[in-house]
């Protein structure tokens, strides 16, 4: 499966996340960090979708505090999984963006 990612989309989104970070051809660390952040967001949305398939149950109904805590835990799991054990999306995006930058 070949997927094309427009580097302008990633770069404009990165400026919204961290406007102080200079993202250009000469700062590959910044691009790598943005790709890892995207992977964490993608992984988090995948975890949310998986969690929706689990039926609510138990003795006590979930309240807002539990829902918020669950969302925070899911985001931390996603960030940790992305930084420690990447699923490969960040590397694929990084290579594709670098390749597309070379074509300009």
Protein backbone atom coordinates (compact mmCIF):
# COMPACT_ATOMS: atom_id res chain seq x y z
CA UNK A 1 0.00 0.00 0.00
CA UNK A 2 1.43 3.33 -1.02
CA UNK A 3 0.25 6.39 0.83
CA UNK A 4 1.26 9.92 0.02
CA UNK A 5 1.59 12.52 2.74
CA UNK A 6 1.74 16.15 1.79
CA UNK A 7 4.70 17.67 3.70
CA UNK A 8 3.04 21.09 3.69
CA UNK A 9 0.22 19.67 5.85
CA UNK A 10 2.64 18.23 8.40
CA UNK A 11 4.76 21.37 8.43
CA UNK A 12 1.83 23.74 8.87
CA UNK A 13 0.43 21.56 11.67
CA UNK A 14 3.82 21.52 13.36
CA UNK A 15 3.92 25.29 13.50
CA UNK A 16 0.57 25.25 15.33
CA UNK A 17 1.89 22.73 17.88
CA UNK A 18 5.17 24.50 18.56
CA UNK A 19 5.61 27.83 16.72
CA UNK A 20 9.13 28.33 18.16
CA UNK A 21 10.41 25.18 16.49
CA UNK A 22 12.10 25.97 13.18
CA UNK A 23 11.06 23.30 10.72
CA UNK A 24 13.13 23.34 7.58
CA UNK A 25 15.52 21.18 5.58
CA UNK A 26 18.33 21.89 8.01
CA UNK A 27 16.47 20.71 11.12
CA UNK A 28 15.73 16.99 10.69
CA UNK A 29 15.32 16.53 14.47
CA UNK A 30 12.32 18.86 14.46
CA UNK A 31 10.75 16.97 11.57
CA UNK A 32 11.35 13.64 13.31
CA UNK A 33 9.73 14.99 16.50
CA UNK A 34 6.66 16.19 14.58
CA UNK A 35 6.34 12.80 12.88
CA UNK A 36 6.49 11.07 16.28
CA UNK A 37 3.82 13.44 17.62
CA UNK A 38 1.59 12.60 14.64
CA UNK A 39 2.12 8.90 15.28
CA UNK A 40 1.12 9.37 18.94
CA UNK A 41 -2.07 11.19 17.89
CA UNK A 42 -2.87 8.44 15.38
CA UNK A 43 -2.20 5.73 17.98
CA UNK A 44 -4.42 7.58 20.48
CA UNK A 45 -7.32 7.69 18.02
CA UNK A 46 -6.83 3.97 17.42
CA UNK A 47 -6.93 3.27 21.18
CA UNK A 48 -10.12 5.37 21.50
CA UNK A 49 -11.77 3.39 18.71
CA UNK A 50 -10.76 0.11 20.34
CA UNK A 51 -12.02 1.26 23.74
CA UNK A 52 -15.44 2.08 22.24
CA UNK A 53 -15.86 -1.58 21.31
CA UNK A 54 -15.69 -2.62 24.97
CA UNK A 55 -19.15 -2.56 26.53
CA UNK A 56 -19.62 -0.55 29.71
CA UNK A 57 -20.24 -2.75 32.66
CA UNK A 58 -19.41 -3.32 36.25
CA UNK A 59 -21.02 -2.48 39.52
CA UNK A 60 -20.67 1.28 39.21
CA UNK A 61 -21.41 3.55 36.24
CA UNK A 62 -18.55 5.69 34.97
CA UNK A 63 -18.61 9.32 36.00
CA UNK A 64 -16.89 12.27 34.30
CA UNK A 65 -13.76 12.01 36.44
CA UNK A 66 -13.23 8.40 35.39
CA UNK A 67 -13.79 9.26 31.73
CA UNK A 68 -11.27 12.12 31.90
CA UNK A 69 -8.74 9.93 33.69
CA UNK A 70 -9.20 7.19 31.07
CA UNK A 71 -8.61 9.69 28.24
CA UNK A 72 -5.48 11.02 29.96
CA UNK A 73 -4.20 7.48 30.51
CA UNK A 74 -4.84 6.59 26.88
CA UNK A 75 -2.92 9.67 25.71
CA UNK A 76 0.04 8.84 27.94
CA UNK A 77 0.04 5.25 26.70
CA UNK A 78 -0.02 6.55 23.13
CA UNK A 79 2.85 8.98 23.74
CA UNK A 80 4.89 6.29 25.48
CA UNK A 81 4.23 3.72 22.77
CA UNK A 82 5.15 6.19 20.05
CA UNK A 83 8.42 7.29 21.66
CA UNK A 84 9.57 3.92 23.01
CA UNK A 85 8.18 1.37 20.55
CA UNK A 86 7.23 3.09 17.32
CA UNK A 87 4.73 1.33 15.06
CA UNK A 88 6.53 2.67 11.99
CA UNK A 89 4.25 5.48 10.88
CA UNK A 90 6.64 8.20 12.04
CA UNK A 91 9.59 6.64 10.20
CA UNK A 92 7.55 6.21 7.03
CA UNK A 93 6.35 9.82 7.16
CA UNK A 94 9.86 11.11 7.86
CA UNK A 95 11.38 9.22 4.91
CA UNK A 96 8.59 10.29 2.57
CA UNK A 97 8.80 13.97 3.54
CA UNK A 98 12.60 13.96 3.20
CA UNK A 99 12.27 12.31 -0.21
CA UNK A 100 9.67 14.89 -1.30
CA UNK A 101 11.86 17.76 -0.06
CA UNK A 102 14.66 16.43 -2.28
CA UNK A 103 12.41 16.55 -5.34
CA UNK A 104 11.75 20.29 -5.06
